Amino acid sequence: MAYEVILPKLGQTVEEGRIVEWVKQEGDAVDRGDVLFTVETDKAVLDVEATRRGFLRKILVGEGETRPVLTVVGLITRKADEPLDEANPAASAPAEVATAEAAPATDAASGPLADTSEAAAQTGRIFASPRARKAARESGVALAGIDGSGPNGRIVEKDVLAYVAAQPKASPVAKRLAESLGVDLRAVAGSGPGGRIVKADVRTAADVAPAAEPAPAEIAAPEAIAPAATTGVLTETSLSGVRAVIAERMHASHQITAPVTLTMEVDATALVALRESLKASLAKELGFNLGYNDLLVKLAAKALREFPYMNAQLDDEAGVIRQLDAVHVGLAIDTERGLLVPHVSDADKKGVVEIAKDIRAMVERARTGRSLPDELAGGTFTITNLGMYDVDGFTPIINHPESAILGVGRIKAAPAVVDGEVAVRQMMWLSLTFDHRLVDGAPASRFMQYVKRLIEEPYLLLA
């Protein structure tokens, strides 16, 4: 009998994984606890261990391939020469566990599963799996125009992806113009690079004369300029893995949120003094030097508890703003794989020593590709510190669905007026980007003022 090797659930929000390497090969003996393969999610690279003893007889998903969690990726038998059950669909092709795309259950008294296509026609309801609905939302397409290939016509994820792939390629400007003119892009021939539909194609299809725009502006539009023949390419990197996730989420955040950035200069002299004092007194206990990020996470957590409206998320579908009871402060970490944001859970309930230890462990895991999936999801507020790169101020992008992110610039000696006299102080800039859909400018400013006060009077962390 063949036992299925499953791509396990890799965190509450992780839906798929890419097989990086099969450590065991077909025919190898395996024992419980042996690493079978490594898998890369959009957050980390993890080892997957065998749960039973036997022989790896068949690899169903090869290296470099991506599959949803709970997919069958291999087969193990007790004996090396035990025949595989060819009737088992898993023996010839990867198969998702039934719950991944299962048809909706019916009332036990109704007998066999009803024909959902007929039910949809009668009630107007569209039957689709949760994955299909999610894919439709993310792609901005309506389920009503998609034919389902699932049981009884139910729409599954692959139907949505196929529908999106079949849509004509058009520039954003062309899409908006087509929508305003009522032009079906499927009937438009594209004249742009690779057959891409551009603005002029939509105007031609709509038989509408170009608006009163100077001709040079039309010629100079980016979509009408072909790359110079002499332009070369140094390198070409696939937009995949963590880089693809970063690109998708940053773009989504910029498109979805209503970001506003506030900047504020802060006198960090007292914070610098506190850090130097704690660094000396805690060096033996910690085994490393206390950093500014350790203190910033602590004070941000205190500020979030004081101003809970900043520790919130907007549920677009339900149309509600939820203030969260837990304070999980994320810290942006630069890694070779890209930007990762693990969070310190319940940071408001932890002391500086515990936070410092948590951060060191998180950074080590992130930079070695071993971040825990759940520490990369569920954050409620993010800090991004570019001070070590001599950056003073910047406009950070919100880590959606969080409501705000705090950008921290470098600390540098500068002249400042103190009690009417000029003195050299340790000054720094803060940049708070917040989502104006959840928070208005004045409340966000009050939060930032409190953060400023904690930096300038860090003994308040003990209050």
Protein backbone atom coordinates (compact mmCIF):
# COMPACT_ATOMS: atom_id res chain seq x y z
CA MET A 1 0.00 0.00 0.00
CA ALA A 2 1.31 3.44 -0.92
CA TYR A 3 1.17 6.24 1.63
CA GLU A 4 0.82 9.82 0.44
CA VAL A 5 3.40 12.49 1.19
CA ILE A 6 1.47 15.71 1.71
CA LEU A 7 2.66 19.29 1.33
CA PRO A 8 1.71 20.30 4.88
CA LYS A 9 0.01 23.46 6.06
CA LEU A 10 2.85 25.90 6.60
CA GLY A 11 1.10 28.61 8.59
CA GLN A 12 -2.34 30.10 8.94
CA THR A 13 -2.05 32.32 5.88
CA VAL A 14 0.24 30.24 3.64
CA GLU A 15 -1.72 28.70 0.76
CA GLU A 16 0.99 27.23 -1.47
CA GLY A 17 4.63 26.23 -1.53
CA ARG A 18 7.38 25.66 -4.10
CA ILE A 19 9.48 22.51 -3.88
CA VAL A 20 13.08 23.72 -3.65
CA GLU A 21 14.90 20.40 -3.30
CA TRP A 22 14.11 16.74 -2.78
CA VAL A 23 16.62 15.60 -0.17
CA LYS A 24 15.49 11.99 -0.61
CA GLN A 25 15.30 10.52 -4.09
CA GLU A 26 13.04 7.82 -5.53
CA GLY A 27 14.06 4.46 -4.07
CA ASP A 28 15.75 5.92 -0.96
CA ALA A 29 14.95 4.46 2.43
CA VAL A 30 13.36 6.94 4.83
CA ASP A 31 12.78 6.90 8.56
CA ARG A 32 10.46 8.99 10.70
CA GLY A 33 11.95 12.45 11.10
CA ASP A 34 14.14 12.28 7.99
CA VAL A 35 13.98 15.42 5.86
CA LEU A 36 12.19 14.49 2.63
CA PHE A 37 12.27 17.85 0.86
CA THR A 38 12.58 21.60 1.41
CA VAL A 39 9.76 23.91 0.45
CA GLU A 40 9.74 27.65 -0.12
CA THR A 41 6.66 29.67 0.77
CA ASP A 42 6.19 33.38 0.23
CA LYS A 43 7.71 33.77 3.68
CA ALA A 44 10.44 31.20 4.36
CA VAL A 45 12.25 28.00 3.35
CA LEU A 46 11.30 25.02 5.50
CA ASP A 47 12.22 21.34 5.85
CA VAL A 48 9.45 18.76 5.56
CA GLU A 49 10.08 15.54 7.45
CA ALA A 50 8.81 12.01 6.91
CA THR A 51 6.05 10.87 9.23
CA ARG A 52 6.52 7.17 8.58
CA ARG A 53 9.21 4.63 7.79
CA GLY A 54 9.57 3.06 4.35
CA PHE A 55 10.88 3.88 0.88
CA LEU A 56 10.23 6.94 -1.23
CA ARG A 57 8.85 5.29 -4.34
CA LYS A 58 7.53 8.16 -6.43
CA ILE A 59 8.02 11.92 -6.58
CA LEU A 60 4.89 13.54 -7.97
CA VAL A 61 5.89 17.20 -7.78
CA GLY A 62 9.34 18.07 -9.01
CA GLU A 63 11.83 20.67 -7.84
CA GLY A 64 10.84 24.19 -8.79
CA GLU A 65 7.14 23.37 -9.01
CA THR A 66 4.53 25.19 -6.91
CA ARG A 67 1.46 23.52 -5.44
CA PRO A 68 -1.28 24.40 -2.92
CA VAL A 69 -0.83 23.13 0.62
CA LEU A 70 -2.32 19.67 1.29
CA THR A 71 -1.33 18.53 -2.21
CA VAL A 72 0.04 15.00 -2.58
CA VAL A 73 3.68 15.41 -3.65
CA GLY A 74 5.06 11.89 -3.28
CA LEU A 75 4.39 8.26 -2.36
CA ILE A 76 6.02 6.05 0.28
CA THR A 77 5.69 2.26 0.54
CA ARG A 78 6.72 -0.04 3.36
CA LYS A 79 8.84 -2.26 1.09
CA ALA A 80 11.24 -1.24 -1.65
CA ASP A 81 9.66 -3.56 -4.23
CA GLU A 82 6.03 -3.14 -3.22
CA PRO A 83 3.91 -2.44 -6.32
CA LEU A 84 2.20 0.94 -6.50
CA ASP A 85 -1.55 0.97 -6.82
CA GLU A 86 -2.04 2.32 -10.32
CA ALA A 87 -5.71 2.87 -9.53
CA ASN A 88 -4.68 5.40 -6.96
CA PRO A 89 -4.91 8.78 -8.72
CA ALA A 90 -2.04 10.01 -6.60
CA ALA A 91 0.24 7.44 -8.24
CA SER A 92 0.07 9.15 -11.62
CA ALA A 93 -0.63 12.82 -10.95
CA PRO A 94 -0.61 15.27 -8.06
CA ALA A 95 -3.97 15.45 -6.37
CA GLU A 96 -5.22 17.96 -3.88
CA VAL A 97 -6.84 16.71 -0.72
CA ALA A 98 -10.58 16.76 -1.19
CA THR A 99 -11.14 19.61 1.23
CA ALA A 100 -9.05 21.97 -0.84
CA GLU A 101 -11.63 22.34 -3.60
CA ALA A 102 -14.53 20.33 -2.22
CA ALA A 103 -18.04 20.90 -3.52
CA PRO A 104 -20.49 22.37 -0.99
CA ALA A 105 -22.24 19.79 1.14
CA THR A 106 -25.98 19.27 0.83
CA ASP A 107 -28.59 18.42 3.38
CA ALA A 108 -28.45 14.70 4.16
CA ALA A 109 -32.14 14.32 3.37
CA SER A 110 -31.71 15.66 -0.15
CA GLY A 111 -29.90 12.57 -1.37
CA PRO A 112 -27.31 12.96 -4.17
CA LEU A 113 -25.53 16.26 -4.70
CA ALA A 114 -27.82 18.68 -6.47
CA ASP A 115 -26.86 20.10 -9.85
CA THR A 116 -25.36 23.43 -8.84
CA SER A 117 -25.54 24.76 -12.38
CA GLU A 118 -29.33 24.37 -12.31
CA ALA A 119 -29.49 25.79 -8.81
CA ALA A 120 -27.46 28.79 -9.91
CA ALA A 121 -29.77 29.39 -12.84
CA GLN A 122 -32.82 29.28 -10.57
CA THR A 123 -31.50 31.33 -7.65
CA GLY A 124 -28.91 33.55 -9.31
CA ARG A 125 -26.29 32.30 -6.85
CA ILE A 126 -22.80 31.58 -8.14
CA PHE A 127 -21.21 28.42 -6.77
CA ALA A 128 -17.45 28.78 -6.35
CA SER A 129 -14.77 27.47 -4.04
CA PRO A 130 -13.13 29.80 -1.46
CA ARG A 131 -9.89 29.72 -3.45
CA ALA A 132 -11.75 30.70 -6.62
CA ARG A 133 -13.43 33.63 -4.89
CA LYS A 134 -10.11 34.80 -3.49
CA ALA A 135 -8.42 34.56 -6.90
CA ALA A 136 -11.29 36.50 -8.49
CA ARG A 137 -11.03 39.26 -5.88
CA GLU A 138 -7.27 39.57 -6.31
CA SER A 139 -7.54 39.61 -10.12
CA GLY A 140 -10.44 42.05 -10.18
CA VAL A 141 -12.73 39.83 -12.27
CA ALA A 142 -16.39 38.90 -11.81
CA LEU A 143 -17.28 35.26 -11.20
CA ALA A 144 -20.46 35.66 -13.22
CA GLY A 145 -18.57 35.50 -16.51
CA ILE A 146 -16.54 32.37 -15.69
CA ASP A 147 -17.50 28.80 -16.64
CA GLY A 148 -16.89 26.29 -13.87
CA SER A 149 -15.14 22.96 -14.39
CA GLY A 150 -15.69 21.63 -10.88
CA PRO A 151 -18.37 19.21 -9.73
CA ASN A 152 -21.71 20.18 -11.28
CA GLY A 153 -20.29 23.32 -12.82
CA ARG A 154 -18.78 24.74 -9.66
CA ILE A 155 -16.09 27.37 -10.28
CA VAL A 156 -12.68 26.37 -8.91
CA GLU A 157 -9.43 28.30 -8.71
CA LYS A 158 -8.00 27.03 -12.01
CA ASP A 159 -11.10 28.31 -13.83
CA VAL A 160 -10.46 31.82 -12.55
CA LEU A 161 -6.76 31.69 -13.40
CA ALA A 162 -7.52 30.40 -16.91
CA TYR A 163 -10.09 33.15 -17.42
CA VAL A 164 -7.63 35.84 -16.31
CA ALA A 165 -4.88 34.41 -18.55
CA ALA A 166 -7.25 34.49 -21.53
CA GLN A 167 -8.10 38.15 -21.08
CA PRO A 168 -6.52 40.51 -23.61
CA LYS A 169 -3.36 42.31 -22.52
CA ALA A 170 -3.86 46.05 -22.34
CA SER A 171 -2.15 49.02 -20.76
CA PRO A 172 -3.81 50.52 -17.65
CA VAL A 173 -4.68 53.66 -19.64
CA ALA A 174 -6.30 51.55 -22.36
CA LYS A 175 -8.33 49.59 -19.80
CA ARG A 176 -9.69 52.74 -18.20
CA LEU A 177 -10.50 54.29 -21.57
CA ALA A 178 -12.24 51.10 -22.76
CA GLU A 179 -14.36 51.03 -19.63
CA SER A 180 -15.39 54.67 -20.05
CA LEU A 181 -16.22 54.20 -23.76
CA GLY A 182 -17.91 50.82 -23.34
CA VAL A 183 -15.43 49.03 -25.60
CA ASP A 184 -15.01 45.25 -25.26
CA LEU A 185 -11.24 44.72 -25.22
CA ARG A 186 -11.67 41.17 -26.52
CA ALA A 187 -12.69 42.67 -29.88
CA VAL A 188 -9.75 45.07 -30.05
CA ALA A 189 -6.53 44.32 -31.95
CA GLY A 190 -3.44 45.50 -30.11
CA SER A 191 -0.67 47.42 -31.84
CA GLY A 192 1.66 47.72 -28.86
CA PRO A 193 4.67 45.52 -28.05
CA GLY A 194 3.68 41.85 -28.06
CA GLY A 195 0.18 42.67 -29.28
CA ARG A 196 -0.59 44.78 -26.20
CA ILE A 197 -3.64 47.02 -26.53
CA VAL A 198 -2.81 50.70 -26.15
CA LYS A 199 -4.93 53.82 -25.93
CA ALA A 200 -4.93 54.46 -29.68
CA ASP A 201 -6.31 50.96 -30.35
CA VAL A 202 -9.28 51.61 -28.05
CA ARG A 203 -10.00 54.94 -29.73
CA THR A 204 -9.88 53.29 -33.15
CA ALA A 205 -12.24 50.52 -32.00
CA ALA A 206 -14.65 53.05 -30.56
CA ASP A 207 -14.42 55.15 -33.72
CA VAL A 208 -13.76 58.16 -31.52
CA ALA A 209 -11.44 60.89 -32.67
CA PRO A 210 -8.50 61.53 -30.36
CA ALA A 211 -9.10 64.22 -27.80
CA ALA A 212 -7.55 67.60 -28.31
CA GLU A 213 -4.10 66.56 -27.23
CA PRO A 214 -0.92 67.68 -28.91
CA ALA A 215 0.37 65.03 -31.27
CA PRO A 216 3.84 64.99 -29.73
CA ALA A 217 2.32 63.99 -26.37
CA GLU A 218 0.69 60.98 -28.02
CA ILE A 219 3.95 59.99 -29.67
CA ALA A 220 5.87 60.46 -26.43
CA ALA A 221 3.54 58.29 -24.37
CA PRO A 222 5.55 55.50 -22.71
CA GLU A 223 3.44 52.79 -24.27
CA ALA A 224 4.23 54.05 -27.79
CA ILE A 225 8.00 54.11 -27.39
CA ALA A 226 9.84 51.02 -28.57
CA PRO A 227 13.11 50.12 -26.84
CA ALA A 228 16.18 51.35 -28.65
CA ALA A 229 17.74 48.68 -30.83
CA THR A 230 21.08 49.13 -29.10
CA THR A 231 19.71 48.67 -25.58
CA GLY A 232 21.22 45.63 -23.90
CA VAL A 233 20.26 43.67 -20.77
CA LEU A 234 22.83 43.03 -18.07
CA THR A 235 20.83 40.51 -16.07
CA GLU A 236 17.33 39.09 -16.03
CA THR A 237 15.81 37.92 -12.76
CA SER A 238 12.52 36.07 -12.56
CA LEU A 239 9.91 37.90 -10.53
CA SER A 240 9.13 34.92 -8.32
CA GLY A 241 9.29 33.71 -4.75
CA VAL A 242 9.73 36.37 -2.08
CA ARG A 243 10.49 39.09 -4.67
CA ALA A 244 7.15 38.44 -6.39
CA VAL A 245 5.31 38.54 -3.08
CA ILE A 246 6.97 41.83 -2.14
CA ALA A 247 6.06 43.32 -5.53
CA GLU A 248 2.47 42.12 -5.27
CA ARG A 249 1.93 43.31 -1.70
CA MET A 250 3.61 46.68 -2.11
CA HIS A 251 1.59 47.35 -5.26
CA ALA A 252 -1.61 46.18 -3.57
CA SER A 253 -0.92 48.36 -0.53
CA HIS A 254 -0.34 51.40 -2.71
CA GLN A 255 -3.50 50.69 -4.70
CA ILE A 256 -5.79 49.77 -1.81
CA THR A 257 -4.81 52.13 1.00
CA ALA A 258 -5.11 55.92 1.23
CA PRO A 259 -1.58 56.60 2.52
CA VAL A 260 -0.55 59.84 4.22
CA THR A 261 2.95 60.38 5.65
CA LEU A 262 3.73 62.61 8.62
CA THR A 263 7.31 63.56 9.47
CA MET A 264 8.63 64.82 12.78
CA GLU A 265 12.04 65.75 14.15
CA VAL A 266 12.79 64.26 17.56
CA ASP A 267 15.46 64.92 20.17
CA ALA A 268 16.80 61.41 20.84
CA THR A 269 19.53 62.46 23.28
CA ALA A 270 17.87 60.77 26.25
CA LEU A 271 17.19 57.62 24.20
CA VAL A 272 20.85 57.45 23.19
CA ALA A 273 21.91 57.80 26.83
CA LEU A 274 19.45 55.11 27.93
CA ARG A 275 20.66 52.73 25.25
CA GLU A 276 24.31 53.24 26.24
CA SER A 277 23.48 52.62 29.90
CA LEU A 278 21.44 49.48 29.21
CA LYS A 279 23.98 48.22 26.69
CA ALA A 280 26.63 48.19 29.40
CA SER A 281 24.47 46.76 32.17
CA LEU A 282 22.76 44.06 30.07
CA ALA A 283 25.74 42.95 27.93
CA LYS A 284 26.51 39.94 30.12
CA GLU A 285 22.89 38.83 30.44
CA LEU A 286 22.09 39.20 26.73
CA GLY A 287 25.41 38.22 25.22
CA PHE A 288 25.04 41.01 22.66
CA ASN A 289 24.62 44.78 22.63
CA LEU A 290 21.12 46.16 23.07
CA GLY A 291 20.04 47.99 19.90
CA TYR A 292 17.81 50.93 19.15
CA ASN A 293 15.27 48.67 17.44
CA ASP A 294 14.78 46.82 20.73
CA LEU A 295 13.83 50.07 22.44
CA LEU A 296 11.75 51.30 19.50
CA VAL A 297 9.65 48.13 19.44
CA LYS A 298 9.00 48.53 23.17
CA LEU A 299 7.98 52.18 22.96
CA ALA A 300 5.86 51.62 19.83
CA ALA A 301 4.00 48.86 21.65
CA LYS A 302 3.34 51.19 24.59
CA ALA A 303 2.09 53.89 22.22
CA LEU A 304 -0.22 51.43 20.44
CA ARG A 305 -1.72 50.38 23.74
CA GLU A 306 -2.23 54.06 24.61
CA PHE A 307 -3.78 54.83 21.19
CA PRO A 308 -5.59 51.61 20.18
CA TYR A 309 -7.10 53.16 17.05
CA MET A 310 -3.64 52.86 15.48
CA ASN A 311 -3.62 49.12 16.21
CA ALA A 312 -6.43 48.39 13.78
CA GLN A 313 -7.32 46.81 10.46
CA LEU A 314 -10.02 47.51 7.90
CA ASP A 315 -12.15 44.59 6.71
CA ASP A 316 -13.14 45.78 3.23
CA GLU A 317 -15.66 43.02 2.63
CA ALA A 318 -17.49 43.49 5.92
CA GLY A 319 -17.08 47.25 5.83
CA VAL A 320 -15.84 47.47 9.43
CA ILE A 321 -12.75 48.80 11.21
CA ARG A 322 -11.49 46.40 13.87
CA GLN A 323 -9.31 47.53 16.77
CA LEU A 324 -7.16 44.55 17.72
CA ASP A 325 -6.66 43.32 21.26
CA ALA A 326 -3.12 42.00 20.67
CA VAL A 327 -0.12 44.21 19.88
CA HIS A 328 2.27 42.43 17.50
CA VAL A 329 5.00 44.82 16.35
CA GLY A 330 6.72 43.88 13.09
CA LEU A 331 10.28 44.82 12.19
CA ALA A 332 11.34 45.11 8.53
CA ILE A 333 14.47 42.98 7.95
CA ASP A 334 16.70 43.12 4.88
CA THR A 335 17.67 39.64 3.69
CA GLU A 336 19.27 38.16 0.57
CA ARG A 337 15.85 36.85 -0.45
CA GLY A 338 14.20 40.25 -0.02
CA LEU A 339 12.38 42.22 2.65
CA LEU A 340 10.75 40.19 5.42
CA VAL A 341 8.67 41.52 8.32
CA PRO A 342 8.51 39.11 11.26
CA HIS A 343 6.82 40.45 14.36
CA VAL A 344 7.37 40.42 18.10
CA SER A 345 4.14 38.97 19.45
CA ASP A 346 2.49 40.67 22.44
CA ALA A 347 5.25 43.26 22.48
CA ASP A 348 3.29 45.42 24.94
CA LYS A 349 3.49 42.65 27.55
CA LYS A 350 7.23 42.03 27.21
CA GLY A 351 10.24 43.74 28.72
CA VAL A 352 13.14 45.11 26.73
CA VAL A 353 15.32 42.07 27.44
CA GLU A 354 12.71 39.61 26.13
CA ILE A 355 12.04 41.80 23.09
CA ALA A 356 15.77 42.02 22.33
CA LYS A 357 16.11 38.22 22.47
CA ASP A 358 13.03 37.77 20.27
CA ILE A 359 14.38 40.20 17.68
CA ARG A 360 17.81 38.53 17.50
CA ALA A 361 16.18 35.13 16.97
CA MET A 362 13.81 36.54 14.33
CA VAL A 363 16.63 38.24 12.43
CA GLU A 364 18.72 35.06 12.45
CA ARG A 365 15.83 32.96 11.14
CA ALA A 366 14.91 35.54 8.50
CA ARG A 367 18.44 35.84 7.13
CA THR A 368 18.91 32.08 6.95
CA GLY A 369 15.53 31.53 5.30
CA ARG A 370 14.09 29.73 8.32
CA SER A 371 11.46 32.18 9.50
CA LEU A 372 8.47 30.61 11.20
CA PRO A 373 5.40 31.10 8.98
CA ASP A 374 3.21 32.41 11.78
CA GLU A 375 5.71 35.07 12.85
CA LEU A 376 5.51 36.54 9.36
CA ALA A 377 1.73 36.88 9.48
CA GLY A 378 -0.57 38.57 11.94
CA GLY A 379 1.47 41.69 12.69
CA THR A 380 -0.52 44.76 13.75
CA PHE A 381 2.05 47.55 13.26
CA THR A 382 5.45 47.76 11.55
CA ILE A 383 8.72 49.61 12.17
CA THR A 384 11.24 50.08 9.37
CA ASN A 385 14.61 51.55 10.32
CA LEU A 386 16.95 52.89 7.62
CA GLY A 387 19.10 54.92 9.97
CA MET A 388 22.07 52.59 9.56
CA TYR A 389 22.16 53.59 5.88
CA ASP A 390 22.43 57.33 6.72
CA VAL A 391 18.83 57.93 5.66
CA ASP A 392 17.14 60.81 7.47
CA GLY A 393 13.52 60.64 6.31
CA PHE A 394 11.48 58.60 3.83
CA THR A 395 7.91 57.57 3.02
CA PRO A 396 7.43 53.93 4.04
CA ILE A 397 4.66 51.84 2.45
CA ILE A 398 2.03 50.41 4.77
CA ASN A 399 2.30 46.68 5.40
CA HIS A 400 -1.32 45.98 4.44
CA PRO A 401 -3.71 45.16 6.16
CA GLU A 402 -2.07 47.07 9.01
CA SER A 403 -3.14 50.69 9.47
CA ALA A 404 0.30 52.30 9.79
CA ILE A 405 4.07 51.93 9.58
CA LEU A 406 6.76 53.94 11.38
CA GLY A 407 9.88 54.88 9.44
CA VAL A 408 12.98 55.63 11.53
CA GLY A 409 15.89 57.72 10.25
CA ARG A 410 19.45 58.03 11.51
CA ILE A 411 20.44 59.64 14.79
CA LYS A 412 23.02 62.37 14.32
CA ALA A 413 24.52 65.19 16.35
CA ALA A 414 23.02 68.54 15.35
CA PRO A 415 22.55 71.99 16.87
CA ALA A 416 19.22 72.50 18.61
CA VAL A 417 17.70 75.16 20.84
CA VAL A 418 17.35 73.93 24.44
CA ASP A 419 16.03 76.30 27.13
CA GLY A 420 16.75 79.25 24.88
CA GLU A 421 20.32 78.25 24.14
CA VAL A 422 21.93 76.43 21.24
CA ALA A 423 23.29 73.01 22.18
CA VAL A 424 24.48 69.91 20.37
CA ARG A 425 21.80 67.22 20.61
CA GLN A 426 21.24 63.76 19.14
CA MET A 427 18.46 64.38 16.60
CA MET A 428 16.45 61.97 14.47
CA TRP A 429 13.53 62.03 12.04
CA LEU A 430 10.42 59.86 12.21
CA SER A 431 8.08 59.18 9.28
CA LEU A 432 4.63 57.77 10.04
CA THR A 433 2.61 56.55 7.06
CA PHE A 434 -1.00 55.78 7.97
CA ASP A 435 -4.11 54.68 6.09
CA HIS A 436 -6.47 57.68 6.00
CA ARG A 437 -9.42 55.32 5.52
CA LEU A 438 -9.00 54.20 9.13
CA VAL A 439 -7.36 57.16 10.84
CA ASP A 440 -7.55 60.91 10.31
CA GLY A 441 -4.59 63.25 10.36
CA ALA A 442 -5.11 64.70 13.84
CA PRO A 443 -5.43 61.35 15.68
CA ALA A 444 -2.39 60.02 13.80
CA SER A 445 -0.47 63.15 14.79
CA ARG A 446 -1.39 62.65 18.45
CA PHE A 447 -0.03 59.11 18.25
CA MET A 448 3.18 60.41 16.70
CA GLN A 449 3.50 63.10 19.37
CA TYR A 450 3.30 60.38 22.01
CA VAL A 451 6.01 58.35 20.27
CA LYS A 452 8.13 61.51 20.19
CA ARG A 453 7.55 62.04 23.90
CA LEU A 454 8.59 58.46 24.71
CA ILE A 455 11.81 58.93 22.73
CA GLU A 456 12.59 62.22 24.42
CA GLU A 457 11.52 60.96 27.86
CA PRO A 458 12.21 57.21 27.72
CA TYR A 459 11.78 56.77 31.49
CA LEU A 460 8.04 56.88 30.70
CA LEU A 461 8.43 53.30 29.46
CA LEU A 462 8.43 52.34 33.13
CA ALA A 463 5.11 54.07 33.79
